[in-house]
Amino acid sequence: MIALLRSDAYRVLHSRWIWATAGIVAFLLLAPALVMRWTSMGPVFYDDLTGSALPMTGVQILAAAMASIVCCDRTDIGFARSVLSSLGERARMVWFAEKCVFSLLLAAALIAFTFVVGLLGLLVSGVPVASPEPAWQVAAWLGCSWLCAAPYVALTVLVAHITRNESVTTVFAVLSAGGLLEGGLLIGIDFLQALLGGEFLTVTAAVGPWLPAEIASAVGAGAQTMLSAENAVQLAPALRALVVCPPVAVAAVAADALLASRRDVA
């Protein structure tokens, strides 16, 4: 698998889209900071460090979209098919699992890059941070942010390998990472329950806090919110992320290795 990871890393680093993505992220984070610096607009101070430096939902969507590009790169379709046709079932399982692992590592790199650029944007803006968190909280928050993105990345890879359609995979990546699929599913269940005589939004109230999108929203508010148990379920979002996100990501990786690897490569 190490050789496959190196191969994908070389391919991505030598592609144009990864550098274009980095440039767009840097522009979106630094341009507002420069405007604030030059015009003296904006708040008097930022509340904290973590909640101000990383736009969580946007990073999740971008991480899932990047996984879609990695797995649906049209320039490699013929190469992938020729390689897979020459491999045994076990080797094909490793090949598919590696795509999940690489996409998760790419998501971690994206989160780290975005956070560093966000910190630079805070410095450029000249606006002070009122209550910067200690280093261990920042590290825990970054790790938890990656955990929240992991299910969407792994599920996107699974959809990419099953459908082998770039458009379908990209739409799924955006809708799932944006929380629209989860929200729509819950509302649909609540609506059916209401039609059957139940109380509307009871399912959403009970299940919502345990959905990856809701957990990611709480984590995105900052390290203090991530570690606080002052919420509807009286459990810190960090603990909920540990309970929910790794099993979902592992299940998606396992399904990808077991199911997609058995599909005909033609």
Protein backbone atom coordinates (compact mmCIF):
# COMPACT_ATOMS: atom_id res chain seq x y z
CA MET A 1 0.00 0.00 0.00
CA ILE A 2 2.91 2.37 0.65
CA ALA A 3 3.90 2.22 -3.01
CA LEU A 4 0.32 3.03 -4.04
CA LEU A 5 0.20 5.96 -1.62
CA ARG A 6 3.43 7.33 -3.06
CA SER A 7 2.10 6.92 -6.57
CA ASP A 8 -1.10 8.81 -5.80
CA ALA A 9 0.82 11.52 -3.94
CA TYR A 10 3.10 12.00 -6.96
CA ARG A 11 0.13 12.12 -9.32
CA VAL A 12 -1.78 14.67 -7.22
CA LEU A 13 1.22 16.90 -6.55
CA HIS A 14 1.95 17.03 -10.28
CA SER A 15 -1.63 17.88 -11.22
CA ARG A 16 -2.90 21.39 -11.78
CA TRP A 17 -6.12 21.09 -9.82
CA ILE A 18 -4.43 20.65 -6.44
CA TRP A 19 -2.44 23.88 -6.81
CA ALA A 20 -5.49 25.70 -8.16
CA THR A 21 -7.43 24.51 -5.10
CA ALA A 22 -4.67 25.70 -2.76
CA GLY A 23 -4.64 29.08 -4.48
CA ILE A 24 -8.41 29.47 -4.23
CA VAL A 25 -8.39 28.53 -0.53
CA ALA A 26 -5.59 30.99 0.16
CA PHE A 27 -7.40 33.75 -1.73
CA LEU A 28 -10.72 33.17 0.02
CA LEU A 29 -9.07 33.31 3.44
CA LEU A 30 -6.53 36.08 2.87
CA ALA A 31 -8.56 38.49 0.72
CA PRO A 32 -11.07 39.35 3.49
CA ALA A 33 -8.18 39.72 5.93
CA LEU A 34 -6.49 42.22 3.62
CA VAL A 35 -9.74 44.15 3.21
CA MET A 36 -10.09 44.37 6.98
CA ARG A 37 -6.48 45.51 7.26
CA TRP A 38 -6.81 48.23 4.66
CA THR A 39 -10.28 49.51 5.57
CA SER A 40 -10.21 48.98 9.36
CA MET A 41 -13.54 47.17 9.04
CA GLY A 42 -14.66 44.15 11.03
CA PRO A 43 -14.99 43.23 14.69
CA VAL A 44 -12.88 44.73 17.43
CA PHE A 45 -11.50 41.25 18.21
CA TYR A 46 -12.00 37.58 17.45
CA ASP A 47 -13.48 35.52 20.25
CA ASP A 48 -11.06 32.61 19.92
CA LEU A 49 -8.42 31.10 17.68
CA THR A 50 -9.96 27.86 16.42
CA GLY A 51 -13.45 29.10 15.67
CA SER A 52 -12.06 31.99 13.62
CA ALA A 53 -9.36 30.30 11.53
CA LEU A 54 -11.07 27.33 9.87
CA PRO A 55 -14.43 27.36 8.03
CA MET A 56 -15.48 23.82 8.96
CA THR A 57 -18.36 23.15 6.55
CA GLY A 58 -16.48 24.52 3.57
CA VAL A 59 -13.46 22.36 4.38
CA GLN A 60 -15.61 19.24 4.64
CA ILE A 61 -17.20 19.87 1.26
CA LEU A 62 -13.82 20.59 -0.32
CA ALA A 63 -12.25 17.47 1.21
CA ALA A 64 -15.05 15.28 -0.16
CA ALA A 65 -14.84 16.98 -3.57
CA MET A 66 -11.09 16.35 -3.65
CA ALA A 67 -11.72 12.67 -2.92
CA SER A 68 -14.10 12.65 -5.87
CA ILE A 69 -11.42 14.08 -8.14
CA VAL A 70 -8.81 11.60 -6.94
CA CYS A 71 -11.07 8.60 -7.61
CA CYS A 72 -12.73 9.85 -10.82
CA ASP A 73 -9.78 11.37 -12.60
CA ARG A 74 -10.65 10.72 -16.25
CA THR A 75 -7.04 10.71 -17.34
CA ASP A 76 -6.50 7.53 -15.30
CA ILE A 77 -9.59 5.51 -16.23
CA GLY A 78 -7.82 3.35 -18.80
CA PHE A 79 -4.80 2.88 -16.56
CA ALA A 80 -6.92 1.87 -13.57
CA ARG A 81 -8.88 -0.67 -15.56
CA SER A 82 -5.77 -2.25 -17.03
CA VAL A 83 -4.15 -2.48 -13.58
CA LEU A 84 -7.23 -3.90 -11.87
CA SER A 85 -7.79 -6.51 -14.56
CA SER A 86 -4.34 -7.92 -13.88
CA LEU A 87 -4.72 -8.11 -10.10
CA GLY A 88 -6.16 -10.82 -7.90
CA GLU A 89 -9.09 -10.19 -5.59
CA ARG A 90 -6.95 -9.52 -2.52
CA ALA A 91 -4.69 -7.12 -4.39
CA ARG A 92 -7.73 -5.31 -5.75
CA MET A 93 -9.08 -4.95 -2.19
CA VAL A 94 -5.80 -3.30 -1.21
CA TRP A 95 -5.99 -1.02 -4.26
CA PHE A 96 -9.48 0.21 -3.38
CA ALA A 97 -8.71 0.54 0.33
CA GLU A 98 -5.63 2.61 -0.53
CA LYS A 99 -7.80 5.14 -2.37
CA CYS A 100 -9.79 5.64 0.85
CA VAL A 101 -6.65 5.94 2.95
CA PHE A 102 -5.06 8.40 0.53
CA SER A 103 -8.21 10.53 0.38
CA LEU A 104 -8.33 10.65 4.18
CA LEU A 105 -4.67 11.70 4.31
CA LEU A 106 -5.39 14.35 1.67
CA ALA A 107 -8.26 15.63 3.83
CA ALA A 108 -5.88 15.89 6.80
CA ALA A 109 -3.43 17.86 4.69
CA LEU A 110 -6.23 20.16 3.52
CA ILE A 111 -7.36 20.83 7.09
CA ALA A 112 -3.80 21.59 8.22
CA PHE A 113 -3.18 23.86 5.20
CA THR A 114 -6.46 25.72 5.65
CA PHE A 115 -5.82 26.23 9.35
CA VAL A 116 -2.31 27.59 8.73
CA VAL A 117 -3.58 29.97 6.05
CA GLY A 118 -6.43 30.96 8.37
CA LEU A 119 -3.92 31.81 11.10
CA LEU A 120 -1.97 33.87 8.59
CA GLY A 121 -5.21 35.64 7.70
CA LEU A 122 -5.77 36.50 11.36
CA LEU A 123 -2.28 38.00 11.52
CA VAL A 124 -2.76 39.92 8.28
CA SER A 125 -6.11 41.35 9.41
CA GLY A 126 -4.47 42.92 12.46
CA VAL A 127 -7.50 42.01 14.59
CA PRO A 128 -6.47 40.50 17.95
CA VAL A 129 -7.79 37.22 19.32
CA ALA A 130 -9.38 37.72 22.71
CA SER A 131 -9.01 34.19 24.11
CA PRO A 132 -6.52 32.03 22.19
CA GLU A 133 -6.72 28.37 23.18
CA PRO A 134 -3.73 26.39 24.48
CA ALA A 135 -1.80 24.26 22.01
CA TRP A 136 -3.32 20.95 23.16
CA GLN A 137 -6.83 22.23 22.53
CA VAL A 138 -5.87 23.41 19.07
CA ALA A 139 -4.33 20.01 18.27
CA ALA A 140 -7.39 18.18 19.61
CA TRP A 141 -9.66 20.46 17.63
CA LEU A 142 -7.77 19.83 14.39
CA GLY A 143 -7.93 16.09 14.99
CA CYS A 144 -11.64 16.26 15.72
CA SER A 145 -12.18 18.35 12.58
CA TRP A 146 -10.52 15.59 10.57
CA LEU A 147 -12.70 12.97 12.27
CA CYS A 148 -15.81 14.91 11.26
CA ALA A 149 -14.66 15.07 7.63
CA ALA A 150 -13.59 11.41 7.47
CA PRO A 151 -17.06 9.84 7.01
CA TYR A 152 -17.89 12.10 4.07
CA VAL A 153 -14.54 11.47 2.41
CA ALA A 154 -14.79 7.68 2.80
CA LEU A 155 -18.41 7.60 1.61
CA THR A 156 -17.50 9.72 -1.42
CA VAL A 157 -14.75 7.26 -2.35
CA LEU A 158 -17.24 4.41 -2.02
CA VAL A 159 -19.76 6.16 -4.29
CA ALA A 160 -17.00 6.95 -6.79
CA HIS A 161 -15.92 3.33 -7.04
CA ILE A 162 -19.48 1.98 -7.24
CA THR A 163 -20.88 4.47 -9.77
CA ARG A 164 -17.65 5.35 -11.62
CA ASN A 165 -19.37 8.58 -12.55
CA GLU A 166 -17.65 11.86 -11.76
CA SER A 167 -20.80 13.99 -11.88
CA VAL A 168 -22.77 11.71 -9.56
CA THR A 169 -19.86 11.44 -7.15
CA THR A 170 -19.26 15.19 -7.03
CA VAL A 171 -22.95 15.93 -6.40
CA PHE A 172 -22.98 13.32 -3.64
CA ALA A 173 -19.83 14.82 -2.10
CA VAL A 174 -21.30 18.32 -1.96
CA LEU A 175 -24.73 17.27 -0.69
CA SER A 176 -23.46 14.83 1.92
CA ALA A 177 -20.61 16.96 3.27
CA GLY A 178 -22.91 19.96 3.37
CA GLY A 179 -25.33 18.02 5.58
CA LEU A 180 -28.19 18.26 3.10
CA LEU A 181 -28.65 14.51 2.70
CA GLU A 182 -28.77 13.93 6.46
CA GLY A 183 -31.10 16.85 7.05
CA GLY A 184 -33.40 15.87 4.22
CA LEU A 185 -33.58 12.26 5.40
CA LEU A 186 -34.49 13.30 8.96
CA ILE A 187 -37.13 15.75 7.80
CA GLY A 188 -38.60 13.06 5.57
CA ILE A 189 -38.79 10.60 8.48
CA ASP A 190 -40.33 13.26 10.74
CA PHE A 191 -42.88 14.11 8.07
CA LEU A 192 -43.91 10.46 7.73
CA GLN A 193 -44.15 10.16 11.50
CA ALA A 194 -46.36 13.25 11.63
CA LEU A 195 -48.64 11.77 8.96
CA LEU A 196 -48.98 8.66 11.11
CA GLY A 197 -50.06 10.74 14.08
CA GLY A 198 -46.73 11.32 15.79
CA GLU A 199 -45.20 14.60 16.85
CA PHE A 200 -43.24 16.45 14.19
CA LEU A 201 -39.44 16.84 14.61
CA THR A 202 -39.16 14.34 17.47
CA VAL A 203 -36.80 12.14 15.41
CA THR A 204 -34.69 15.15 14.48
CA ALA A 205 -34.43 16.20 18.11
CA ALA A 206 -33.35 12.74 19.20
CA VAL A 207 -31.07 11.72 16.33
CA GLY A 208 -29.85 15.09 15.05
CA PRO A 209 -27.11 15.67 17.67
CA TRP A 210 -25.54 12.33 16.71
CA LEU A 211 -25.32 13.01 12.99
CA PRO A 212 -21.84 13.83 11.63
CA ALA A 213 -23.11 17.10 10.17
CA GLU A 214 -24.46 18.30 13.53
CA ILE A 215 -21.29 17.20 15.31
CA ALA A 216 -19.15 18.99 12.72
CA SER A 217 -21.21 22.16 13.17
CA ALA A 218 -20.55 22.11 16.92
CA VAL A 219 -16.85 21.37 16.42
CA GLY A 220 -16.61 24.19 13.89
CA ALA A 221 -17.68 26.65 16.58
CA GLY A 222 -14.29 26.22 18.26
CA ALA A 223 -12.35 24.12 20.74
CA GLN A 224 -14.29 25.38 23.76
CA THR A 225 -17.62 24.35 22.26
CA MET A 226 -16.10 21.05 21.12
CA LEU A 227 -15.15 20.18 24.71
CA SER A 228 -18.27 21.53 26.38
CA ALA A 229 -21.08 19.24 27.55
CA GLU A 230 -23.56 22.11 27.73
CA ASN A 231 -25.83 20.95 24.90
CA ALA A 232 -29.03 19.01 24.28
CA VAL A 233 -27.51 15.57 24.94
CA GLN A 234 -25.14 16.69 27.72
CA LEU A 235 -22.17 15.15 25.91
CA ALA A 236 -19.23 17.01 24.41
CA PRO A 237 -19.14 17.08 20.59
CA ALA A 238 -15.60 15.69 20.75
CA LEU A 239 -16.88 12.52 22.42
CA ARG A 240 -19.76 12.25 19.98
CA ALA A 241 -17.29 12.57 17.11
CA LEU A 242 -15.22 9.71 18.54
CA VAL A 243 -18.32 7.53 18.92
CA VAL A 244 -19.89 8.22 15.51
CA CYS A 245 -17.33 9.26 12.90
CA PRO A 246 -14.62 6.53 13.05
CA PRO A 247 -17.11 3.62 12.78
CA VAL A 248 -18.84 5.25 9.79
CA ALA A 249 -15.52 5.90 8.04
CA VAL A 250 -14.21 2.38 8.75
CA ALA A 251 -17.46 0.83 7.52
CA ALA A 252 -17.25 2.84 4.28
CA VAL A 253 -13.61 1.79 3.75
CA ALA A 254 -14.49 -1.85 4.39
CA ALA A 255 -17.47 -1.70 2.04
CA ASP A 256 -15.29 -0.11 -0.61
CA ALA A 257 -12.61 -2.80 -0.29
CA LEU A 258 -15.11 -5.68 -0.20
CA LEU A 259 -17.83 -4.57 -2.60
CA ALA A 260 -16.16 -2.35 -5.17
CA SER A 261 -13.20 -4.71 -5.58
CA ARG A 262 -15.56 -7.53 -6.65
CA ARG A 263 -17.23 -5.50 -9.33
CA ASP A 264 -16.36 -6.13 -12.96
CA VAL A 265 -13.63 -3.71 -14.05
CA ALA A 266 -14.76 -3.60 -17.68
